[in-house]
PDB file of N, CA and C in Angstrom:
ATOM      1  N   MET A   1       0.852  -1.163   0.000  1.00  0.00           N
ATOM      2  CA  MET A   1       0.000   0.000   0.000  1.00  0.00           C
ATOM      3  C   MET A   1       0.897   1.224   0.000  1.00  0.00           C
ATOM      4  N   GLU A   2       0.554   2.214  -0.812  1.00  0.00           N
ATOM      5  CA  GLU A   2       1.335   3.442  -0.862  1.00  0.00           C
ATOM      6  C   GLU A   2       0.386   4.632  -0.983  1.00  0.00           C
ATOM      7  N   VAL A   3       0.691   5.713  -0.254  1.00  0.00           N
ATOM      8  CA  VAL A   3      -0.102   6.937  -0.286  1.00  0.00           C
ATOM      9  C   VAL A   3       0.858   8.095  -0.510  1.00  0.00           C
ATOM     10  N   TRP A   4       0.486   9.017  -1.415  1.00  0.00           N
ATOM     11  CA  TRP A   4       1.315  10.178  -1.666  1.00  0.00           C
ATOM     12  C   TRP A   4       0.426  11.394  -1.853  1.00  0.00           C
ATOM     13  N   ASP A   5       1.032  12.600  -1.758  1.00  0.00           N
ATOM     14  CA  ASP A   5       0.196  13.805  -1.772  1.00  0.00           C
ATOM     15  C   ASP A   5       0.109  14.497  -3.129  1.00  0.00           C
ATOM     16  N   GLY A   6       0.897  14.158  -4.102  1.00  0.00           N
ATOM     17  CA  GLY A   6       0.767  14.722  -5.438  1.00  0.00           C
ATOM     18  C   GLY A   6       1.390  16.089  -5.631  1.00  0.00           C
ATOM     19  N   VAL A   7       1.763  16.776  -4.561  1.00  0.00           N
ATOM     20  CA  VAL A   7       2.381  18.088  -4.684  1.00  0.00           C
ATOM     21  C   VAL A   7       3.884  17.988  -4.440  1.00  0.00           C
ATOM     22  N   SER A   8       4.252  17.221  -3.450  1.00  0.00           N
ATOM     23  CA  SER A   8       5.660  17.039  -3.123  1.00  0.00           C
ATOM     24  C   SER A   8       6.015  15.568  -3.339  1.00  0.00           C
ATOM     25  N   ASP A   9       7.194  15.203  -2.941  1.00  0.00           N
ATOM     26  CA  ASP A   9       7.591  13.800  -3.021  1.00  0.00           C
ATOM     27  C   ASP A   9       7.252  13.051  -1.740  1.00  0.00           C
ATOM     28  N   SER A  10       6.444  13.653  -0.860  1.00  0.00           N
ATOM     29  CA  SER A  10       6.072  13.001   0.396  1.00  0.00           C
ATOM     30  C   SER A  10       5.206  11.790   0.110  1.00  0.00           C
ATOM     31  N   ARG A  11       5.516  10.685   0.787  1.00  0.00           N
ATOM     32  CA  ARG A  11       4.732   9.473   0.620  1.00  0.00           C
ATOM     33  C   ARG A  11       4.984   8.535   1.783  1.00  0.00           C
ATOM     34  N   ILE A  12       4.031   7.672   2.021  1.00  0.00           N
ATOM     35  CA  ILE A  12       4.216   6.595   2.983  1.00  0.00           C
ATOM     36  C   ILE A  12       3.865   5.305   2.263  1.00  0.00           C
ATOM     37  N   SER A  13       4.542   4.253   2.645  1.00  0.00           N
ATOM     38  CA  SER A  13       4.222   2.966   2.040  1.00  0.00           C
ATOM     39  C   SER A  13       4.342   1.886   3.094  1.00  0.00           C
ATOM     40  N   PHE A  14       3.618   0.801   2.853  1.00  0.00           N
ATOM     41  CA  PHE A  14       3.667  -0.327   3.771  1.00  0.00           C
ATOM     42  C   PHE A  14       3.646  -1.596   2.939  1.00  0.00           C
ATOM     43  N   ASP A  15       4.554  -2.492   3.271  1.00  0.00           N
ATOM     44  CA  ASP A  15       4.652  -3.766   2.575  1.00  0.00           C
ATOM     45  C   ASP A  15       4.875  -4.850   3.613  1.00  0.00           C
ATOM     46  N   TRP A  16       3.951  -5.801   3.690  1.00  0.00           N
ATOM     47  CA  TRP A  16       4.073  -6.876   4.679  1.00  0.00           C
ATOM     48  C   TRP A  16       5.442  -7.540   4.609  1.00  0.00           C
ATOM     49  N   ALA A  17       5.916  -7.808   3.410  1.00  0.00           N
ATOM     50  CA  ALA A  17       7.184  -8.530   3.250  1.00  0.00           C
ATOM     51  C   ALA A  17       8.355  -7.747   3.839  1.00  0.00           C
ATOM     52  N   SER A  18       8.282  -6.415   3.786  1.00  0.00           N
ATOM     53  CA  SER A  18       9.403  -5.607   4.282  1.00  0.00           C
ATOM     54  C   SER A  18       9.562  -5.675   5.795  1.00  0.00           C
ATOM     55  N   VAL A  19       8.496  -6.100   6.495  1.00  0.00           N
ATOM     56  CA  VAL A  19       8.587  -6.238   7.946  1.00  0.00           C
ATOM     57  C   VAL A  19       8.581  -7.707   8.370  1.00  0.00           C
ATOM     58  N   GLY A  20       8.788  -8.584   7.383  1.00  0.00           N
ATOM     59  CA  GLY A  20       8.907 -10.002   7.677  1.00  0.00           C
ATOM     60  C   GLY A  20       7.607 -10.693   8.013  1.00  0.00           C
ATOM     61  N   MET A  21       6.473 -10.146   7.543  1.00  0.00           N
ATOM     62  CA  MET A  21       5.176 -10.744   7.824  1.00  0.00           C
ATOM     63  C   MET A  21       4.687 -11.479   6.581  1.00  0.00           C
ATOM     64  N   PRO A  22       3.999 -12.594   6.770  1.00  0.00           N
ATOM     65  CA  PRO A  22       3.422 -13.277   5.608  1.00  0.00           C
ATOM     66  C   PRO A  22       2.283 -12.454   5.024  1.00  0.00           C
ATOM     67  N   ALA A  23       1.957 -12.703   3.795  1.00  0.00           N
ATOM     68  CA  ALA A  23       0.848 -11.984   3.139  1.00  0.00           C
ATOM     69  C   ALA A  23      -0.450 -12.244   3.883  1.00  0.00           C
ATOM     70  N   ALA A  24      -1.369 -11.285   3.810  1.00  0.00           N
ATOM     71  CA  ALA A  24      -2.657 -11.415   4.494  1.00  0.00           C
ATOM     72  C   ALA A  24      -3.413 -12.621   3.968  1.00  0.00           C
ATOM     73  N   LYS A  25      -4.101 -13.276   4.853  1.00  0.00           N
ATOM     74  CA  LYS A  25      -4.925 -14.428   4.495  1.00  0.00           C
ATOM     75  C   LYS A  25      -6.356 -13.971   4.248  1.00  0.00           C
ATOM     76  N   THR A  26      -7.239 -14.886   4.003  1.00  0.00           N
ATOM     77  CA  THR A  26      -8.635 -14.518   3.777  1.00  0.00           C
ATOM     78  C   THR A  26      -9.298 -14.133   5.089  1.00  0.00           C
ATOM     79  N   PRO A  27     -10.288 -13.230   5.061  1.00  0.00           N
ATOM     80  CA  PRO A  27     -10.985 -12.834   6.290  1.00  0.00           C
ATOM     81  C   PRO A  27     -11.547 -14.043   7.027  1.00  0.00           C
ATOM     82  N   GLY A  28     -11.524 -13.981   8.347  1.00  0.00           N
ATOM     83  CA  GLY A  28     -12.048 -15.060   9.168  1.00  0.00           C
ATOM     84  C   GLY A  28     -10.965 -15.982   9.694  1.00  0.00           C
ATOM     85  N   GLU A  29      -9.858 -16.044   9.018  1.00  0.00           N
ATOM     86  CA  GLU A  29      -8.738 -16.855   9.494  1.00  0.00           C
ATOM     87  C   GLU A  29      -7.909 -16.016  10.455  1.00  0.00           C
ATOM     88  N   ASP A  30      -7.065 -16.672  11.233  1.00  0.00           N
ATOM     89  CA  ASP A  30      -6.093 -15.947  12.046  1.00  0.00           C
ATOM     90  C   ASP A  30      -5.106 -15.349  11.069  1.00  0.00           C
ATOM     91  N   SER A  31      -5.200 -14.044  10.829  1.00  0.00           N
ATOM     92  CA  SER A  31      -4.431 -13.453   9.746  1.00  0.00           C
ATOM     93  C   SER A  31      -3.763 -12.155  10.171  1.00  0.00           C
ATOM     94  N   ASN A  32      -3.057 -11.573   9.241  1.00  0.00           N
ATOM     95  CA  ASN A  32      -2.348 -10.311   9.447  1.00  0.00           C
ATOM     96  C   ASN A  32      -2.993  -9.199   8.629  1.00  0.00           C
ATOM     97  N   ILE A  33      -4.292  -9.184   8.529  1.00  0.00           N
ATOM     98  CA  ILE A  33      -4.989  -8.183   7.726  1.00  0.00           C
ATOM     99  C   ILE A  33      -4.779  -6.816   8.348  1.00  0.00           C
ATOM    100  N   ILE A  34      -4.407  -5.849   7.539  1.00  0.00           N
ATOM    101  CA  ILE A  34      -4.093  -4.512   8.043  1.00  0.00           C
ATOM    102  C   ILE A  34      -5.345  -3.644   8.176  1.00  0.00           C
ATOM    103  N   ALA A  35      -6.390  -3.915   7.392  1.00  0.00           N
ATOM    104  CA  ALA A  35      -7.583  -3.071   7.445  1.00  0.00           C
ATOM    105  C   ALA A  35      -8.769  -3.808   6.841  1.00  0.00           C
ATOM    106  N   TYR A  36      -9.966  -3.320   7.153  1.00  0.00           N
ATOM    107  CA  TYR A  36     -11.190  -3.805   6.546  1.00  0.00           C
ATOM    108  C   TYR A  36     -11.923  -2.626   5.950  1.00  0.00           C
ATOM    109  N   MET A  37     -12.677  -2.872   4.917  1.00  0.00           N
ATOM    110  CA  MET A  37     -13.508  -1.841   4.320  1.00  0.00           C
ATOM    111  C   MET A  37     -14.950  -2.122   4.736  1.00  0.00           C
ATOM    112  N   THR A  38     -15.665  -1.087   5.173  1.00  0.00           N
ATOM    113  CA  THR A  38     -17.059  -1.260   5.575  1.00  0.00           C
ATOM    114  C   THR A  38     -17.873  -0.078   5.076  1.00  0.00           C
ATOM    115  N   GLU A  39     -19.136  -0.303   4.811  1.00  0.00           N
ATOM    116  CA  GLU A  39     -20.004   0.781   4.375  1.00  0.00           C
ATOM    117  C   GLU A  39     -20.228   1.745   5.537  1.00  0.00           C
ATOM    118  N   ASN A  40     -20.298   3.031   5.210  1.00  0.00           N
ATOM    119  CA  ASN A  40     -20.474   4.056   6.231  1.00  0.00           C
ATOM    120  C   ASN A  40     -21.731   3.824   7.062  1.00  0.00           C
ATOM    121  N   THR A  41     -22.812   3.395   6.431  1.00  0.00           N
ATOM    122  CA  THR A  41     -24.053   3.183   7.174  1.00  0.00           C
ATOM    123  C   THR A  41     -23.894   2.096   8.237  1.00  0.00           C
ATOM    124  N   ASN A  42     -23.146   1.034   7.938  1.00  0.00           N
ATOM    125  CA  ASN A  42     -22.914  -0.025   8.923  1.00  0.00           C
ATOM    126  C   ASN A  42     -22.051   0.473  10.076  1.00  0.00           C
ATOM    127  N   LEU A  43     -21.011   1.230   9.745  1.00  0.00           N
ATOM    128  CA  LEU A  43     -20.132   1.774  10.778  1.00  0.00           C
ATOM    129  C   LEU A  43     -20.886   2.751  11.673  1.00  0.00           C
ATOM    130  N   THR A  44     -21.675   3.646  11.064  1.00  0.00           N
ATOM    131  CA  THR A  44     -22.433   4.627  11.827  1.00  0.00           C
ATOM    132  C   THR A  44     -23.453   3.947  12.741  1.00  0.00           C
ATOM    133  N   THR A  45     -24.151   2.965  12.221  1.00  0.00           N
ATOM    134  CA  THR A  45     -25.146   2.236  13.012  1.00  0.00           C
ATOM    135  C   THR A  45     -24.501   1.574  14.226  1.00  0.00           C
ATOM    136  N   ALA A  46     -23.363   0.923  14.013  1.00  0.00           N
ATOM    137  CA  ALA A  46     -22.668   0.248  15.114  1.00  0.00           C
ATOM    138  C   ALA A  46     -22.162   1.252  16.146  1.00  0.00           C
ATOM    139  N   LEU A  47     -21.622   2.366  15.692  1.00  0.00           N
ATOM    140  CA  LEU A  47     -21.127   3.377  16.630  1.00  0.00           C
ATOM    141  C   LEU A  47     -22.262   3.989  17.447  1.00  0.00           C
ATOM    142  N   LEU A  48     -23.380   4.306  16.803  1.00  0.00           N
ATOM    143  CA  LEU A  48     -24.522   4.870  17.532  1.00  0.00           C
ATOM    144  C   LEU A  48     -25.076   3.873  18.543  1.00  0.00           C
ATOM    145  N   LYS A  49     -25.114   2.611  18.182  1.00  0.00           N
ATOM    146  CA  LYS A  49     -25.576   1.570  19.112  1.00  0.00           C
ATOM    147  C   LYS A  49     -24.661   1.506  20.330  1.00  0.00           C
ATOM    148  N   ARG A  50     -23.358   1.561  20.091  1.00  0.00           N
ATOM    149  CA  ARG A  50     -22.403   1.491  21.203  1.00  0.00           C
ATOM    150  C   ARG A  50     -22.493   2.729  22.093  1.00  0.00           C
ATOM    151  N   LEU A  51     -22.668   3.901  21.499  1.00  0.00           N
ATOM    152  CA  LEU A  51     -22.828   5.124  22.290  1.00  0.00           C
ATOM    153  C   LEU A  51     -24.057   5.048  23.184  1.00  0.00           C
ATOM    154  N   GLU A  52     -25.128   4.470  22.668  1.00  0.00           N
ATOM    155  CA  GLU A  52     -26.343   4.296  23.465  1.00  0.00           C
ATOM    156  C   GLU A  52     -26.084   3.355  24.642  1.00  0.00           C
ATOM    157  N   GLU A  53     -25.328   2.282  24.400  1.00  0.00           N
ATOM    158  CA  GLU A  53     -24.992   1.332  25.464  1.00  0.00           C
ATOM    159  C   GLU A  53     -24.154   1.984  26.561  1.00  0.00           C
ATOM    160  N   VAL A  54     -23.193   2.808  26.156  1.00  0.00           N
ATOM    161  CA  VAL A  54     -22.303   3.465  27.117  1.00  0.00           C
ATOM    162  C   VAL A  54     -23.066   4.500  27.930  1.00  0.00           C
ATOM    163  N   GLY A  55     -23.918   5.277  27.275  1.00  0.00           N
ATOM    164  CA  GLY A  55     -24.719   6.296  27.945  1.00  0.00           C
ATOM    165  C   GLY A  55     -23.924   7.537  28.301  1.00  0.00           C
ATOM    166  N   GLY A  56     -24.638   8.563  28.754  1.00  0.00           N
ATOM    167  CA  GLY A  56     -24.006   9.812  29.172  1.00  0.00           C
ATOM    168  C   GLY A  56     -23.485  10.659  28.028  1.00  0.00           C
ATOM    169  N   ILE A  57     -23.931  10.386  26.811  1.00  0.00           N
ATOM    170  CA  ILE A  57     -23.450  11.098  25.630  1.00  0.00           C
ATOM    171  C   ILE A  57     -24.639  11.724  24.924  1.00  0.00           C
ATOM    172  N   SER A  58     -24.511  13.008  24.581  1.00  0.00           N
ATOM    173  CA  SER A  58     -25.563  13.701  23.835  1.00  0.00           C
ATOM    174  C   SER A  58     -25.140  13.813  22.373  1.00  0.00           C
ATOM    175  N   ILE A  59     -26.039  13.467  21.490  1.00  0.00           N
ATOM    176  CA  ILE A  59     -25.793  13.607  20.055  1.00  0.00           C
ATOM    177  C   ILE A  59     -26.664  14.739  19.554  1.00  0.00           C
ATOM    178  N   MET A  60     -26.050  15.690  18.866  1.00  0.00           N
ATOM    179  CA  MET A  60     -26.768  16.846  18.351  1.00  0.00           C
ATOM    180  C   MET A  60     -26.703  16.833  16.837  1.00  0.00           C
ATOM    181  N   ASP A  61     -27.717  16.235  16.207  1.00  0.00           N
ATOM    182  CA  ASP A  61     -27.790  16.200  14.746  1.00  0.00           C
ATOM    183  C   ASP A  61     -28.174  17.566  14.198  1.00  0.00           C
ATOM    184  N   ASN A  62     -27.802  17.798  12.969  1.00  0.00           N
ATOM    185  CA  ASN A  62     -28.186  19.017  12.246  1.00  0.00           C
ATOM    186  C   ASN A  62     -27.837  20.277  13.029  1.00  0.00           C
ATOM    187  N   THR A  63     -26.687  20.270  13.659  1.00  0.00           N
ATOM    188  CA  THR A  63     -26.224  21.413  14.446  1.00  0.00           C
ATOM    189  C   THR A  63     -24.810  21.758  14.008  1.00  0.00           C
ATOM    190  N   ARG A  64     -24.565  23.021  13.777  1.00  0.00           N
ATOM    191  CA  ARG A  64     -23.242  23.475  13.350  1.00  0.00           C
ATOM    192  C   ARG A  64     -22.604  24.319  14.442  1.00  0.00           C
ATOM    193  N   VAL A  65     -21.285  24.370  14.423  1.00  0.00           N
ATOM    194  CA  VAL A  65     -20.545  25.269  15.312  1.00  0.00           C
ATOM    195  C   VAL A  65     -20.568  26.648  14.664  1.00  0.00           C
ATOM    196  N   SER A  66     -21.168  27.616  15.349  1.00  0.00           N
ATOM    197  CA  SER A  66     -21.245  28.986  14.838  1.00  0.00           C
ATOM    198  C   SER A  66     -20.026  29.804  15.222  1.00  0.00           C
ATOM    199  N   ASN A  67     -19.509  29.528  16.423  1.00  0.00           N
ATOM    200  CA  ASN A  67     -18.387  30.328  16.923  1.00  0.00           C
ATOM    201  C   ASN A  67     -17.622  29.516  17.967  1.00  0.00           C
ATOM    202  N   ILE A  68     -16.339  29.791  18.062  1.00  0.00           N
ATOM    203  CA  ILE A  68     -15.503  29.198  19.115  1.00  0.00           C
ATOM    204  C   ILE A  68     -14.644  30.312  19.696  1.00  0.00           C
ATOM    205  N   GLU A  69     -14.648  30.411  21.004  1.00  0.00           N
ATOM    206  CA  GLU A  69     -13.776  31.369  21.683  1.00  0.00           C
ATOM    207  C   GLU A  69     -13.396  30.799  23.038  1.00  0.00           C
ATOM    208  N   LEU A  70     -12.315  31.306  23.603  1.00  0.00           N
ATOM    209  CA  LEU A  70     -11.926  30.854  24.936  1.00  0.00           C
ATOM    210  C   LEU A  70     -12.878  31.426  25.964  1.00  0.00           C
ATOM    211  N   GLY A  71     -13.111  30.641  27.009  1.00  0.00           N
ATOM    212  CA  GLY A  71     -14.009  31.062  28.075  1.00  0.00           C
ATOM    213  C   GLY A  71     -13.400  32.161  28.934  1.00  0.00           C
ATOM    214  N   GLN A  72     -14.095  32.520  29.996  1.00  0.00           N
ATOM    215  CA  GLN A  72     -13.663  33.585  30.894  1.00  0.00           C
ATOM    216  C   GLN A  72     -13.517  33.053  32.310  1.00  0.00           C
ATOM    217  N   ASP A  73     -12.814  33.800  33.113  1.00  0.00           N
ATOM    218  CA  ASP A  73     -12.657  33.492  34.534  1.00  0.00           C
ATOM    219  C   ASP A  73     -13.863  34.075  35.266  1.00  0.00           C
ATOM    220  N   THR A  74     -14.621  33.207  35.932  1.00  0.00           N
ATOM    221  CA  THR A  74     -15.788  33.666  36.679  1.00  0.00           C
ATOM    222  C   THR A  74     -15.566  33.382  38.165  1.00  0.00           C
ATOM    223  N   ASP A  75     -16.528  33.731  38.992  1.00  0.00           N
ATOM    224  CA  ASP A  75     -16.422  33.469  40.428  1.00  0.00           C
ATOM    225  C   ASP A  75     -16.403  31.974  40.729  1.00  0.00           C
ATOM    226  N   THR A  76     -17.026  31.171  39.889  1.00  0.00           N
ATOM    227  CA  THR A  76     -17.122  29.737  40.159  1.00  0.00           C
ATOM    228  C   THR A  76     -16.188  28.878  39.315  1.00  0.00           C
ATOM    229  N   LEU A  77     -15.863  29.306  38.101  1.00  0.00           N
ATOM    230  CA  LEU A  77     -15.019  28.511  37.203  1.00  0.00           C
ATOM    231  C   LEU A  77     -14.031  29.385  36.454  1.00  0.00           C
ATOM    232  N   ASP A  78     -12.837  28.852  36.229  1.00  0.00           N
ATOM    233  CA  ASP A  78     -11.860  29.514  35.373  1.00  0.00           C
ATOM    234  C   ASP A  78     -11.839  28.761  34.043  1.00  0.00           C
ATOM    235  N   LEU A  79     -12.509  29.323  33.055  1.00  0.00           N
ATOM    236  CA  LEU A  79     -12.601  28.681  31.749  1.00  0.00           C
ATOM    237  C   LEU A  79     -11.718  29.365  30.709  1.00  0.00           C
ATOM    238  N   ARG A  80     -10.708  30.087  31.158  1.00  0.00           N
ATOM    239  CA  ARG A  80      -9.856  30.816  30.213  1.00  0.00           C
ATOM    240  C   ARG A  80      -9.103  29.906  29.250  1.00  0.00           C
ATOM    241  N   SER A  81      -8.864  28.655  29.607  1.00  0.00           N
ATOM    242  CA  SER A  81      -8.173  27.743  28.693  1.00  0.00           C
ATOM    243  C   SER A  81      -9.140  26.732  28.048  1.00  0.00           C
ATOM    244  N   TRP A  82     -10.434  26.931  28.246  1.00  0.00           N
ATOM    245  CA  TRP A  82     -11.444  26.024  27.686  1.00  0.00           C
ATOM    246  C   TRP A  82     -12.100  26.658  26.461  1.00  0.00           C
ATOM    247  N   PRO A  83     -12.155  25.965  25.343  1.00  0.00           N
ATOM    248  CA  PRO A  83     -12.933  26.472  24.213  1.00  0.00           C
ATOM    249  C   PRO A  83     -14.426  26.452  24.548  1.00  0.00           C
ATOM    250  N   ILE A  84     -15.109  27.521  24.203  1.00  0.00           N
ATOM    251  CA  ILE A  84     -16.567  27.601  24.360  1.00  0.00           C
ATOM    252  C   ILE A  84     -17.159  27.573  22.953  1.00  0.00           C
ATOM    253  N   LEU A  85     -17.965  26.558  22.684  1.00  0.00           N
ATOM    254  CA  LEU A  85     -18.598  26.427  21.379  1.00  0.00           C
ATOM    255  C   LEU A  85     -19.972  27.069  21.434  1.00  0.00           C
ATOM    256  N   THR A  86     -20.265  27.920  20.467  1.00  0.00           N
ATOM    257  CA  THR A  86     -21.616  28.416  20.281  1.00  0.00           C
ATOM    258  C   THR A  86     -22.176  27.668  19.082  1.00  0.00           C
ATOM    259  N   LEU A  87     -23.309  27.008  19.286  1.00  0.00           N
ATOM    260  CA  LEU A  87     -23.896  26.172  18.248  1.00  0.00           C
ATOM    261  C   LEU A  87     -24.994  26.907  17.501  1.00  0.00           C
ATOM    262  N   SER A  88     -25.322  26.395  16.331  1.00  0.00           N
ATOM    263  CA  SER A  88     -26.337  27.038  15.484  1.00  0.00           C
ATOM    264  C   SER A  88     -27.720  27.034  16.129  1.00  0.00           C
ATOM    265  N   ASN A  89     -27.927  26.170  17.118  1.00  0.00           N
ATOM    266  CA  ASN A  89     -29.224  26.155  17.820  1.00  0.00           C
ATOM    267  C   ASN A  89     -29.237  27.110  19.003  1.00  0.00           C
ATOM    268  N   GLY A  90     -28.158  27.914  19.175  1.00  0.00           N
ATOM    269  CA  GLY A  90     -28.092  28.901  20.243  1.00  0.00           C
ATOM    270  C   GLY A  90     -27.445  28.396  21.523  1.00  0.00           C
ATOM    271  N   ARG A  91     -27.250  27.116  21.634  1.00  0.00           N
ATOM    272  CA  ARG A  91     -26.656  26.517  22.838  1.00  0.00           C
ATOM    273  C   ARG A  91     -25.150  26.776  22.865  1.00  0.00           C
ATOM    274  N   SER A  92     -24.598  26.967  24.060  1.00  0.00           N
ATOM    275  CA  SER A  92     -23.156  27.101  24.244  1.00  0.00           C
ATOM    276  C   SER A  92     -22.655  25.953  25.108  1.00  0.00           C
ATOM    277  N   ILE A  93     -21.485  25.432  24.747  1.00  0.00           N
ATOM    278  CA  ILE A  93     -20.907  24.298  25.458  1.00  0.00           C
ATOM    279  C   ILE A  93     -19.440  24.583  25.727  1.00  0.00           C
ATOM    280  N   ALA A  94     -19.007  24.408  26.975  1.00  0.00           N
ATOM    281  CA  ALA A  94     -17.581  24.492  27.320  1.00  0.00           C
ATOM    282  C   ALA A  94     -17.001  23.090  27.184  1.00  0.00           C
ATOM    283  N   VAL A  95     -15.898  22.973  26.467  1.00  0.00           N
ATOM    284  CA  VAL A  95     -15.309  21.658  26.230  1.00  0.00           C
ATOM    285  C   VAL A  95     -13.861  21.626  26.700  1.00  0.00           C
ATOM    286  N   ARG A  96     -13.492  20.546  27.335  1.00  0.00           N
ATOM    287  CA  ARG A  96     -12.108  20.389  27.804  1.00  0.00           C
ATOM    288  C   ARG A  96     -11.195  19.935  26.669  1.00  0.00           C
ATOM    289  N   LEU A  97     -11.742  19.098  25.781  1.00  0.00           N
ATOM    290  CA  LEU A  97     -10.985  18.597  24.642  1.00  0.00           C
ATOM    291  C   LEU A  97     -11.796  18.872  23.389  1.00  0.00           C
ATOM    292  N   LEU A  98     -11.210  19.566  22.451  1.00  0.00           N
ATOM    293  CA  LEU A  98     -11.880  19.899  21.198  1.00  0.00           C
ATOM    294  C   LEU A  98     -11.134  19.228  20.059  1.00  0.00           C
ATOM    295  N   ILE A  99     -11.815  18.333  19.355  1.00  0.00           N
ATOM    296  CA  ILE A  99     -11.210  17.587  18.254  1.00  0.00           C
ATOM    297  C   ILE A  99     -11.826  18.081  16.964  1.00  0.00           C
ATOM    298  N   GLY A 100     -11.006  18.470  16.028  1.00  0.00           N
ATOM    299  CA  GLY A 100     -11.496  18.982  14.759  1.00  0.00           C
ATOM    300  C   GLY A 100     -11.544  17.910  13.693  1.00  0.00           C
ATOM    301  N   SER A 101     -12.731  17.448  13.400  1.00  0.00           N
ATOM    302  CA  SER A 101     -12.943  16.559  12.254  1.00  0.00           C
ATOM    303  C   SER A 101     -14.161  17.095  11.520  1.00  0.00           C
ATOM    304  N   ASP A 102     -14.111  18.391  11.285  1.00  0.00           N
ATOM    305  CA  ASP A 102     -15.305  19.110  10.845  1.00  0.00           C
ATOM    306  C   ASP A 102     -15.201  19.643   9.420  1.00  0.00           C
ATOM    307  N   GLY A 103     -14.380  19.039   8.604  1.00  0.00           N
ATOM    308  CA  GLY A 103     -14.406  19.312   7.176  1.00  0.00           C
ATOM    309  C   GLY A 103     -13.499  20.427   6.689  1.00  0.00           C
ATOM    310  N   ALA A 104     -13.694  20.741   5.422  1.00  0.00           N
ATOM    311  CA  ALA A 104     -12.808  21.647   4.705  1.00  0.00           C
ATOM    312  C   ALA A 104     -12.801  23.069   5.262  1.00  0.00           C
ATOM    313  N   GLN A 105     -13.939  23.575   5.670  1.00  0.00           N
ATOM    314  CA  GLN A 105     -14.031  24.932   6.215  1.00  0.00           C
ATOM    315  C   GLN A 105     -14.077  24.865   7.736  1.00  0.00           C
ATOM    316  N   SER A 106     -13.138  24.180   8.322  1.00  0.00           N
ATOM    317  CA  SER A 106     -13.140  23.822   9.735  1.00  0.00           C
ATOM    318  C   SER A 106     -13.058  25.013  10.685  1.00  0.00           C
ATOM    319  N   PRO A 107     -14.125  25.271  11.465  1.00  0.00           N
ATOM    320  CA  PRO A 107     -14.028  26.305  12.487  1.00  0.00           C
ATOM    321  C   PRO A 107     -13.037  25.918  13.587  1.00  0.00           C
ATOM    322  N   VAL A 108     -12.880  24.629  13.828  1.00  0.00           N
ATOM    323  CA  VAL A 108     -11.930  24.179  14.850  1.00  0.00           C
ATOM    324  C   VAL A 108     -10.498  24.492  14.410  1.00  0.00           C
ATOM    325  N   ARG A 109     -10.174  24.197  13.159  1.00  0.00           N
ATOM    326  CA  ARG A 109      -8.833  24.506  12.634  1.00  0.00           C
ATOM    327  C   ARG A 109      -8.581  26.014  12.675  1.00  0.00           C
ATOM    328  N   ASN A 110      -9.572  26.797  12.278  1.00  0.00           N
ATOM    329  CA  ASN A 110      -9.424  28.259  12.317  1.00  0.00           C
ATOM    330  C   ASN A 110      -9.195  28.742  13.738  1.00  0.00           C
ATOM    331  N   PHE A 111      -9.950  28.232  14.700  1.00  0.00           N
ATOM    332  CA  PHE A 111      -9.795  28.610  16.106  1.00  0.00           C
ATOM    333  C   PHE A 111      -8.385  28.278  16.603  1.00  0.00           C
ATOM    334  N   ALA A 112      -7.863  27.124  16.194  1.00  0.00           N
ATOM    335  CA  ALA A 112      -6.538  26.689  16.637  1.00  0.00           C
ATOM    336  C   ALA A 112      -5.417  27.418  15.891  1.00  0.00           C
ATOM    337  N   GLY A 113      -5.747  28.185  14.858  1.00  0.00           N
ATOM    338  CA  GLY A 113      -4.730  28.919  14.107  1.00  0.00           C
ATOM    339  C   GLY A 113      -3.904  28.022  13.199  1.00  0.00           C
ATOM    340  N   ILE A 114      -4.483  26.902  12.770  1.00  0.00           N
ATOM    341  CA  ILE A 114      -3.773  25.985  11.886  1.00  0.00           C
ATOM    342  C   ILE A 114      -4.066  26.391  10.448  1.00  0.00           C
ATOM    343  N   GLU A 115      -3.019  26.759   9.719  1.00  0.00           N
ATOM    344  CA  GLU A 115      -3.204  27.187   8.340  1.00  0.00           C
ATOM    345  C   GLU A 115      -3.518  26.004   7.446  1.00  0.00           C
ATOM    346  N   SER A 116      -4.181  26.298   6.353  1.00  0.00           N
ATOM    347  CA  SER A 116      -4.550  25.267   5.386  1.00  0.00           C
ATOM    348  C   SER A 116      -4.465  25.860   4.000  1.00  0.00           C
ATOM    349  N   ARG A 117      -4.141  25.021   3.048  1.00  0.00           N
ATOM    350  CA  ARG A 117      -4.191  25.454   1.657  1.00  0.00           C
ATOM    351  C   ARG A 117      -4.852  24.347   0.856  1.00  0.00           C
ATOM    352  N   GLY A 118      -5.452  24.715  -0.205  1.00  0.00           N
ATOM    353  CA  GLY A 118      -6.138  23.710  -1.006  1.00  0.00           C
ATOM    354  C   GLY A 118      -6.462  24.241  -2.372  1.00  0.00           C
ATOM    355  N   TRP A 119      -6.963  23.377  -3.213  1.00  0.00           N
ATOM    356  CA  TRP A 119      -7.328  23.733  -4.560  1.00  0.00           C
ATOM    357  C   TRP A 119      -8.383  22.760  -5.043  1.00  0.00           C
ATOM    358  N   ASP A 120      -9.072  23.156  -6.067  1.00  0.00           N
ATOM    359  CA  ASP A 120     -10.133  22.341  -6.649  1.00  0.00           C
ATOM    360  C   ASP A 120      -9.519  21.400  -7.686  1.00  0.00           C
ATOM    361  N   TYR A 121      -9.827  20.134  -7.597  1.00  0.00           N
ATOM    362  CA  TYR A 121      -9.329  19.153  -8.552  1.00  0.00           C
ATOM    363  C   TYR A 121     -10.285  18.979  -9.737  1.00  0.00           C
ATOM    364  N   ASN A 122     -11.410  19.694  -9.721  1.00  0.00           N
ATOM    365  CA  ASN A 122     -12.426  19.557 -10.759  1.00  0.00           C
ATOM    366  C   ASN A 122     -12.859  18.105 -10.936  1.00  0.00           C
ATOM    367  N   ARG A 123     -13.034  17.419  -9.805  1.00  0.00           N
ATOM    368  CA  ARG A 123     -13.482  16.030  -9.805  1.00  0.00           C
ATOM    369  C   ARG A 123     -14.660  15.890  -8.864  1.00  0.00           C
ATOM    370  N   HIS A 124     -15.547  14.984  -9.157  1.00  0.00           N
ATOM    371  CA  HIS A 124     -16.707  14.701  -8.317  1.00  0.00           C
ATOM    372  C   HIS A 124     -16.817  13.195  -8.159  1.00  0.00           C
ATOM    373  N   GLY A 125     -17.353  12.755  -7.064  1.00  0.00           N
ATOM    374  CA  GLY A 125     -17.493  11.321  -6.849  1.00  0.00           C
ATOM    375  C   GLY A 125     -18.734  10.994  -6.053  1.00  0.00           C
ATOM    376  N   LEU A 126     -19.087   9.745  -6.082  1.00  0.00           N
ATOM    377  CA  LEU A 126     -20.217   9.240  -5.311  1.00  0.00           C
ATOM    378  C   LEU A 126     -19.726   8.279  -4.271  1.00  0.00           C
TER     379      LEU A 126
END
């Protein structure tokens, strides 16, 4: 398996033989399979089921992050190092850990000051 970025010579590759491992066997056997492919709907269904089993987790569908800013020091809490998310439904949430997996126009990346560059490949897919 090899992955490269197309702009530079940066690439990563993995070859079972190079690490002294036998080739992957068929699924179901005791094997050295590096990955499985699954449909998104199956993965999402399984994850939502597990979240329900664990409990204590709120899922907010159809909600976007409108704004992110650091909190303030109050009489009861010092939230100066906590990101405060303002959501499109008007709700605000203080978060201890903020993970950005929010797409190309990422408000999380912008809040963190992480620069990004990109271009249109004039390609579409299903």
